[in-house]
Amino acid sequence: MMLFASHPSVYTLPGTWEAQPMVSTDVIYSTTIGMASFGIITITATVISMLALKGKRKRV
């Protein structure tokens, strides 16, 4: 326990992080659109699968 307390992580020391350049808005928008499209496709596939399974259960 004292070993970890006496040697702090380099990430918590002041001055170890350099300023990073700003992320372009094009990257943010393309990522958002990609994630939204993936979500819509996933939800649509889930709904179609659930409806298909319900239809099979009624016939049996």
N, C-alpha and C. Protein backbone atom coordinates (compact mmCIF):
# COMPACT_ATOMS: atom_id res chain seq x y z
N MET A 1 0.83 -1.18 0.00
CA MET A 1 0.00 0.00 0.00
C MET A 1 0.88 1.25 0.00
N MET A 2 1.89 1.29 0.82
CA MET A 2 2.76 2.46 0.89
C MET A 2 3.58 2.61 -0.38
N LEU A 3 3.84 1.51 -1.08
CA LEU A 3 4.61 1.59 -2.31
C LEU A 3 3.88 2.45 -3.34
N PHE A 4 2.56 2.25 -3.47
CA PHE A 4 1.78 3.04 -4.42
C PHE A 4 1.63 4.48 -3.96
N ALA A 5 1.50 4.70 -2.69
CA ALA A 5 1.32 6.05 -2.16
C ALA A 5 2.61 6.87 -2.29
N SER A 6 3.77 6.21 -2.19
CA SER A 6 5.02 6.94 -2.25
C SER A 6 5.49 7.20 -3.68
N HIS A 7 4.91 6.51 -4.66
CA HIS A 7 5.26 6.71 -6.07
C HIS A 7 4.00 7.07 -6.86
N PRO A 8 3.63 8.36 -6.89
CA PRO A 8 2.40 8.73 -7.60
C PRO A 8 2.55 8.50 -9.10
N SER A 9 1.43 8.31 -9.75
CA SER A 9 1.42 8.12 -11.19
C SER A 9 1.92 9.38 -11.87
N VAL A 10 2.60 9.21 -12.98
CA VAL A 10 3.15 10.36 -13.70
C VAL A 10 2.02 11.25 -14.23
N TYR A 11 0.83 10.69 -14.41
CA TYR A 11 -0.28 11.46 -14.95
C TYR A 11 -0.82 12.47 -13.95
N THR A 12 -0.59 12.24 -12.66
CA THR A 12 -1.11 13.16 -11.65
C THR A 12 -0.11 14.26 -11.31
N LEU A 13 1.11 14.18 -11.81
CA LEU A 13 2.11 15.20 -11.51
C LEU A 13 1.88 16.44 -12.36
N PRO A 14 2.03 17.63 -11.78
CA PRO A 14 1.82 18.85 -12.57
C PRO A 14 2.88 19.02 -13.64
N GLY A 15 2.47 19.53 -14.79
CA GLY A 15 3.40 19.79 -15.88
C GLY A 15 3.72 18.60 -16.75
N THR A 16 3.06 17.45 -16.54
CA THR A 16 3.37 16.27 -17.36
C THR A 16 2.49 16.17 -18.58
N TRP A 17 1.40 16.93 -18.62
CA TRP A 17 0.51 16.92 -19.78
C TRP A 17 0.83 18.10 -20.67
N GLU A 18 0.99 17.84 -21.94
CA GLU A 18 1.21 18.92 -22.91
C GLU A 18 -0.14 19.32 -23.49
N ALA A 19 -0.25 20.59 -23.86
CA ALA A 19 -1.49 21.06 -24.47
C ALA A 19 -1.70 20.35 -25.81
N GLN A 20 -2.89 19.84 -26.02
CA GLN A 20 -3.21 19.12 -27.25
C GLN A 20 -3.93 20.06 -28.21
N PRO A 21 -3.73 19.85 -29.51
CA PRO A 21 -4.45 20.68 -30.48
C PRO A 21 -5.95 20.37 -30.45
N MET A 22 -6.74 21.35 -30.82
CA MET A 22 -8.20 21.17 -30.84
C MET A 22 -8.59 20.15 -31.91
N VAL A 23 -9.63 19.38 -31.62
CA VAL A 23 -10.13 18.39 -32.56
C VAL A 23 -10.99 19.11 -33.59
N SER A 24 -10.80 18.78 -34.84
CA SER A 24 -11.56 19.40 -35.92
C SER A 24 -13.04 19.05 -35.80
N THR A 25 -13.91 19.99 -36.15
CA THR A 25 -15.35 19.74 -36.07
C THR A 25 -15.79 18.70 -37.09
N ASP A 26 -15.05 18.57 -38.20
CA ASP A 26 -15.39 17.55 -39.19
C ASP A 26 -15.30 16.15 -38.58
N VAL A 27 -14.28 15.94 -37.77
CA VAL A 27 -14.11 14.62 -37.13
C VAL A 27 -15.25 14.38 -36.16
N ILE A 28 -15.63 15.39 -35.40
CA ILE A 28 -16.71 15.24 -34.41
C ILE A 28 -18.02 14.92 -35.11
N TYR A 29 -18.34 15.66 -36.18
CA TYR A 29 -19.60 15.44 -36.88
C TYR A 29 -19.62 14.07 -37.57
N SER A 30 -18.52 13.67 -38.19
CA SER A 30 -18.52 12.39 -38.88
C SER A 30 -18.64 11.24 -37.88
N THR A 31 -18.03 11.38 -36.72
CA THR A 31 -18.15 10.35 -35.69
C THR A 31 -19.58 10.29 -35.16
N THR A 32 -20.18 11.45 -34.94
CA THR A 32 -21.56 11.48 -34.44
C THR A 32 -22.52 10.86 -35.45
N ILE A 33 -22.36 11.20 -36.70
CA ILE A 33 -23.23 10.65 -37.75
C ILE A 33 -23.02 9.14 -37.85
N GLY A 34 -21.79 8.69 -37.76
CA GLY A 34 -21.50 7.26 -37.82
C GLY A 34 -22.12 6.50 -36.66
N MET A 35 -22.01 7.04 -35.46
CA MET A 35 -22.58 6.37 -34.29
C MET A 35 -24.10 6.37 -34.35
N ALA A 36 -24.70 7.49 -34.81
CA ALA A 36 -26.16 7.55 -34.93
C ALA A 36 -26.65 6.54 -35.97
N SER A 37 -25.95 6.45 -37.09
CA SER A 37 -26.34 5.50 -38.13
C SER A 37 -26.24 4.07 -37.62
N PHE A 38 -25.17 3.76 -36.91
CA PHE A 38 -25.01 2.42 -36.35
C PHE A 38 -26.14 2.11 -35.37
N GLY A 39 -26.51 3.09 -34.54
CA GLY A 39 -27.58 2.89 -33.58
C GLY A 39 -28.91 2.64 -34.26
N ILE A 40 -29.21 3.43 -35.29
CA ILE A 40 -30.47 3.26 -36.02
C ILE A 40 -30.53 1.90 -36.69
N ILE A 41 -29.42 1.48 -37.30
CA ILE A 41 -29.38 0.17 -37.95
C ILE A 41 -29.55 -0.95 -36.93
N THR A 42 -28.90 -0.82 -35.78
CA THR A 42 -29.00 -1.84 -34.74
C THR A 42 -30.42 -1.94 -34.20
N ILE A 43 -31.03 -0.79 -33.93
CA ILE A 43 -32.40 -0.79 -33.41
C ILE A 43 -33.36 -1.38 -34.45
N THR A 44 -33.20 -1.01 -35.70
CA THR A 44 -34.05 -1.54 -36.76
C THR A 44 -33.91 -3.06 -36.86
N ALA A 45 -32.69 -3.55 -36.83
CA ALA A 45 -32.47 -5.00 -36.90
C ALA A 45 -33.08 -5.71 -35.71
N THR A 46 -32.99 -5.11 -34.53
CA THR A 46 -33.58 -5.71 -33.33
C THR A 46 -35.09 -5.78 -33.43
N VAL A 47 -35.70 -4.69 -33.89
CA VAL A 47 -37.16 -4.67 -34.03
C VAL A 47 -37.62 -5.71 -35.06
N ILE A 48 -36.93 -5.78 -36.18
CA ILE A 48 -37.29 -6.77 -37.21
C ILE A 48 -37.15 -8.19 -36.66
N SER A 49 -36.10 -8.45 -35.92
CA SER A 49 -35.90 -9.78 -35.34
C SER A 49 -37.00 -10.11 -34.34
N MET A 50 -37.36 -9.13 -33.50
CA MET A 50 -38.41 -9.37 -32.51
C MET A 50 -39.75 -9.63 -33.19
N LEU A 51 -40.05 -8.87 -34.23
CA LEU A 51 -41.31 -9.09 -34.95
C LEU A 51 -41.32 -10.45 -35.64
N ALA A 52 -40.19 -10.86 -36.18
CA ALA A 52 -40.11 -12.16 -36.84
C ALA A 52 -40.31 -13.29 -35.83
N LEU A 53 -39.73 -13.14 -34.64
CA LEU A 53 -39.88 -14.18 -33.62
C LEU A 53 -41.32 -14.22 -33.10
N LYS A 54 -41.95 -13.07 -32.95
CA LYS A 54 -43.34 -13.06 -32.50
C LYS A 54 -44.24 -13.76 -33.52
N GLY A 55 -44.00 -13.52 -34.79
CA GLY A 55 -44.80 -14.16 -35.83
C GLY A 55 -44.65 -15.67 -35.82
N LYS A 56 -43.45 -16.16 -35.56
CA LYS A 56 -43.23 -17.60 -35.51
C LYS A 56 -43.91 -18.22 -34.31
N ARG A 57 -43.95 -17.53 -33.18
CA ARG A 57 -44.55 -18.08 -31.97
C ARG A 57 -46.06 -18.20 -32.11
N LYS A 58 -46.70 -17.28 -32.80
CA LYS A 58 -48.15 -17.33 -32.94
C LYS A 58 -48.58 -18.52 -33.79
N ARG A 59 -47.82 -18.91 -34.74
CA ARG A 59 -48.18 -20.01 -35.64
C ARG A 59 -48.08 -21.37 -34.96
N VAL A 60 -47.23 -21.48 -33.96
CA VAL A 60 -47.00 -22.77 -33.31
C VAL A 60 -48.04 -23.11 -32.35
